Amino acid sequence: MQTLSPEDLPKYEGNYSEKDFWAKLRRIAAKAGSKLVYNALVLFYTLMDPSTPMQYKAIIAGALGYLILPMDLIPDFLPFAGLVDDWAALATALYHVATSITPEIKEKALEKTRSLFKP
């Protein structure tokens, strides 16, 4: 499996749009689980934060663009393995932008995750 580096992620930036992000998140939430959704939301809210440096925004937009991409390294429709590459993209971005993730962003992401998984 190909690994993703922070330098690779900005090339997927063109696939990112807020509308497509929310559509994909809602579509895959049940299959992906709350941890993937929470991590995607942490990145989303970090991207929206005006204090996040531009180089971090490029990494985040790339990771979220990769998540949205209909055809990625491992197709999402494959059971269990289908979201592994999406996890890798999100984890890579989270690691590299961690200094911009505030407690407020984490709380906002947690609240939104809970609302998406309400019965």
C-alpha atoms as a PDB file:
ATOM      1  CA  MET A   1       0.000   0.000   0.000  1.00  0.00           C
ATOM      2  CA  GLN A   2       1.267   3.476  -0.858  1.00  0.00           C
ATOM      3  CA  THR A   3       1.880   5.730   2.119  1.00  0.00           C
ATOM      4  CA  LEU A   4       0.816   9.342   2.220  1.00  0.00           C
ATOM      5  CA  SER A   5       3.156  12.071   3.383  1.00  0.00           C
ATOM      6  CA  PRO A   6       2.261  15.651   4.269  1.00  0.00           C
ATOM      7  CA  GLU A   7       3.874  16.689   0.983  1.00  0.00           C
ATOM      8  CA  ASP A   8       1.483  14.389  -0.936  1.00  0.00           C
ATOM      9  CA  LEU A   9      -1.697  15.706   0.652  1.00  0.00           C
ATOM     10  CA  PRO A  10      -1.901  19.179  -0.968  1.00  0.00           C
ATOM     11  CA  LYS A  11      -2.238  17.566  -4.415  1.00  0.00           C
ATOM     12  CA  TYR A  12      -5.732  16.428  -3.354  1.00  0.00           C
ATOM     13  CA  GLU A  13      -6.672  19.959  -2.285  1.00  0.00           C
ATOM     14  CA  GLY A  14      -8.590  20.497  -5.541  1.00  0.00           C
ATOM     15  CA  ASN A  15     -10.988  17.717  -4.538  1.00  0.00           C
ATOM     16  CA  TYR A  16     -12.012  19.513  -1.375  1.00  0.00           C
ATOM     17  CA  SER A  17     -15.232  21.452  -1.093  1.00  0.00           C
ATOM     18  CA  GLU A  18     -17.244  22.073   2.036  1.00  0.00           C
ATOM     19  CA  LYS A  19     -20.433  20.837   0.375  1.00  0.00           C
ATOM     20  CA  ASP A  20     -18.797  17.580  -0.766  1.00  0.00           C
ATOM     21  CA  PHE A  21     -17.166  17.126   2.643  1.00  0.00           C
ATOM     22  CA  TRP A  22     -20.506  17.181   4.460  1.00  0.00           C
ATOM     23  CA  ALA A  23     -22.147  14.934   1.847  1.00  0.00           C
ATOM     24  CA  LYS A  24     -19.363  12.343   2.104  1.00  0.00           C
ATOM     25  CA  LEU A  25     -19.270  12.511   5.901  1.00  0.00           C
ATOM     26  CA  ARG A  26     -23.000  11.862   6.163  1.00  0.00           C
ATOM     27  CA  ARG A  27     -22.794   9.080   3.576  1.00  0.00           C
ATOM     28  CA  ILE A  28     -19.958   7.167   5.253  1.00  0.00           C
ATOM     29  CA  ALA A  29     -20.606   8.014   8.926  1.00  0.00           C
ATOM     30  CA  ALA A  30     -22.205   4.706   9.906  1.00  0.00           C
ATOM     31  CA  LYS A  31     -19.641   2.620   8.047  1.00  0.00           C
ATOM     32  CA  ALA A  32     -16.638   4.733   9.025  1.00  0.00           C
ATOM     33  CA  GLY A  33     -17.510   5.056  12.678  1.00  0.00           C
ATOM     34  CA  SER A  34     -17.392   7.928  15.105  1.00  0.00           C
ATOM     35  CA  LYS A  35     -13.583   8.059  15.410  1.00  0.00           C
ATOM     36  CA  LEU A  36     -13.009   8.698  11.713  1.00  0.00           C
ATOM     37  CA  VAL A  37     -15.858  11.212  11.653  1.00  0.00           C
ATOM     38  CA  TYR A  38     -14.501  12.975  14.750  1.00  0.00           C
ATOM     39  CA  ASN A  39     -11.000  13.213  13.257  1.00  0.00           C
ATOM     40  CA  ALA A  40     -12.367  14.528   9.962  1.00  0.00           C
ATOM     41  CA  LEU A  41     -14.354  17.138  11.880  1.00  0.00           C
ATOM     42  CA  VAL A  42     -11.331  18.176  13.930  1.00  0.00           C
ATOM     43  CA  LEU A  43      -9.512  18.806  10.663  1.00  0.00           C
ATOM     44  CA  PHE A  44     -12.508  20.590   9.151  1.00  0.00           C
ATOM     45  CA  TYR A  45     -12.852  22.987  12.090  1.00  0.00           C
ATOM     46  CA  THR A  46      -9.082  23.547  12.150  1.00  0.00           C
ATOM     47  CA  LEU A  47      -9.261  24.424   8.444  1.00  0.00           C
ATOM     48  CA  MET A  48     -12.051  26.921   9.158  1.00  0.00           C
ATOM     49  CA  ASP A  49     -10.095  28.564  11.999  1.00  0.00           C
ATOM     50  CA  PRO A  50      -8.603  31.866  10.757  1.00  0.00           C
ATOM     51  CA  SER A  51      -5.550  31.400  13.000  1.00  0.00           C
ATOM     52  CA  THR A  52      -4.502  28.157  11.281  1.00  0.00           C
ATOM     53  CA  PRO A  53      -1.356  28.783   9.176  1.00  0.00           C
ATOM     54  CA  MET A  54      -1.789  28.516   5.401  1.00  0.00           C
ATOM     55  CA  GLN A  55       0.665  25.615   5.050  1.00  0.00           C
ATOM     56  CA  TYR A  56      -1.459  23.660   7.545  1.00  0.00           C
ATOM     57  CA  LYS A  57      -4.619  24.575   5.655  1.00  0.00           C
ATOM     58  CA  ALA A  58      -3.091  23.065   2.489  1.00  0.00           C
ATOM     59  CA  ILE A  59      -2.348  19.806   4.322  1.00  0.00           C
ATOM     60  CA  ILE A  60      -5.845  19.707   5.819  1.00  0.00           C
ATOM     61  CA  ALA A  61      -7.594  20.535   2.533  1.00  0.00           C
ATOM     62  CA  GLY A  62      -5.548  17.797   0.897  1.00  0.00           C
ATOM     63  CA  ALA A  63      -6.496  15.217   3.518  1.00  0.00           C
ATOM     64  CA  LEU A  64     -10.173  16.166   3.370  1.00  0.00           C
ATOM     65  CA  GLY A  65     -10.000  16.257  -0.427  1.00  0.00           C
ATOM     66  CA  TYR A  66      -8.571  12.741  -0.351  1.00  0.00           C
ATOM     67  CA  LEU A  67     -11.430  11.654   1.920  1.00  0.00           C
ATOM     68  CA  ILE A  68     -13.933  13.080  -0.578  1.00  0.00           C
ATOM     69  CA  LEU A  69     -12.196  11.609  -3.635  1.00  0.00           C
ATOM     70  CA  PRO A  70     -14.514   8.951  -5.071  1.00  0.00           C
ATOM     71  CA  MET A  71     -11.653   6.707  -6.230  1.00  0.00           C
ATOM     72  CA  ASP A  72      -8.693   6.483  -3.903  1.00  0.00           C
ATOM     73  CA  LEU A  73      -5.926   3.950  -3.269  1.00  0.00           C
ATOM     74  CA  ILE A  74      -8.317   1.493  -1.618  1.00  0.00           C
ATOM     75  CA  PRO A  75     -11.945   1.832  -2.775  1.00  0.00           C
ATOM     76  CA  ASP A  76     -14.277   2.769   0.097  1.00  0.00           C
ATOM     77  CA  PHE A  77     -16.786   0.052  -0.775  1.00  0.00           C
ATOM     78  CA  LEU A  78     -14.378  -2.721   0.307  1.00  0.00           C
ATOM     79  CA  PRO A  79     -15.332  -4.005   3.759  1.00  0.00           C
ATOM     80  CA  PHE A  80     -12.938  -2.981   6.541  1.00  0.00           C
ATOM     81  CA  ALA A  81     -10.006  -2.122   4.252  1.00  0.00           C
ATOM     82  CA  GLY A  82     -11.895   0.484   2.222  1.00  0.00           C
ATOM     83  CA  LEU A  83     -11.309   3.337   4.642  1.00  0.00           C
ATOM     84  CA  VAL A  84      -7.728   2.490   5.681  1.00  0.00           C
ATOM     85  CA  ASP A  85      -6.169   4.936   3.234  1.00  0.00           C
ATOM     86  CA  ASP A  86      -8.638   7.636   4.295  1.00  0.00           C
ATOM     87  CA  TRP A  87      -7.602   7.012   7.909  1.00  0.00           C
ATOM     88  CA  ALA A  88      -3.954   7.325   6.850  1.00  0.00           C
ATOM     89  CA  ALA A  89      -4.567  10.670   5.157  1.00  0.00           C
ATOM     90  CA  LEU A  90      -6.450  12.023   8.181  1.00  0.00           C
ATOM     91  CA  ALA A  91      -3.853  10.717  10.654  1.00  0.00           C
ATOM     92  CA  THR A  92      -0.995  12.218   8.648  1.00  0.00           C
ATOM     93  CA  ALA A  93      -2.712  15.593   8.572  1.00  0.00           C
ATOM     94  CA  LEU A  94      -3.637  15.467  12.269  1.00  0.00           C
ATOM     95  CA  TYR A  95      -0.046  14.713  13.210  1.00  0.00           C
ATOM     96  CA  HIS A  96       1.362  17.593  11.167  1.00  0.00           C
ATOM     97  CA  VAL A  97      -1.152  20.241  12.203  1.00  0.00           C
ATOM     98  CA  ALA A  98      -1.568  19.226  15.860  1.00  0.00           C
ATOM     99  CA  THR A  99      -0.234  22.540  17.163  1.00  0.00           C
ATOM    100  CA  SER A 100      -3.177  24.364  15.563  1.00  0.00           C
ATOM    101  CA  ILE A 101      -5.852  22.113  17.071  1.00  0.00           C
ATOM    102  CA  THR A 102      -7.343  23.906  20.053  1.00  0.00           C
ATOM    103  CA  PRO A 103      -9.493  22.473  22.850  1.00  0.00           C
ATOM    104  CA  GLU A 104     -12.396  24.507  21.420  1.00  0.00           C
ATOM    105  CA  ILE A 105     -11.985  22.831  18.038  1.00  0.00           C
ATOM    106  CA  LYS A 106     -11.923  19.395  19.680  1.00  0.00           C
ATOM    107  CA  GLU A 107     -15.084  20.193  21.653  1.00  0.00           C
ATOM    108  CA  LYS A 108     -16.899  21.506  18.569  1.00  0.00           C
ATOM    109  CA  ALA A 109     -15.924  18.352  16.652  1.00  0.00           C
ATOM    110  CA  LEU A 110     -17.076  16.141  19.511  1.00  0.00           C
ATOM    111  CA  GLU A 111     -20.457  17.890  19.721  1.00  0.00           C
ATOM    112  CA  LYS A 112     -20.984  17.575  15.968  1.00  0.00           C
ATOM    113  CA  THR A 113     -19.929  13.916  16.008  1.00  0.00           C
ATOM    114  CA  ARG A 114     -22.425  13.213  18.766  1.00  0.00           C
ATOM    115  CA  SER A 115     -25.186  14.955  16.802  1.00  0.00           C
ATOM    116  CA  LEU A 116     -24.397  12.890  13.685  1.00  0.00           C
ATOM    117  CA  PHE A 117     -24.576   9.637  15.653  1.00  0.00           C
ATOM    118  CA  LYS A 118     -27.732  10.391  17.630  1.00  0.00           C
ATOM    119  CA  PRO A 119     -30.279   7.575  17.394  1.00  0.00           C
END
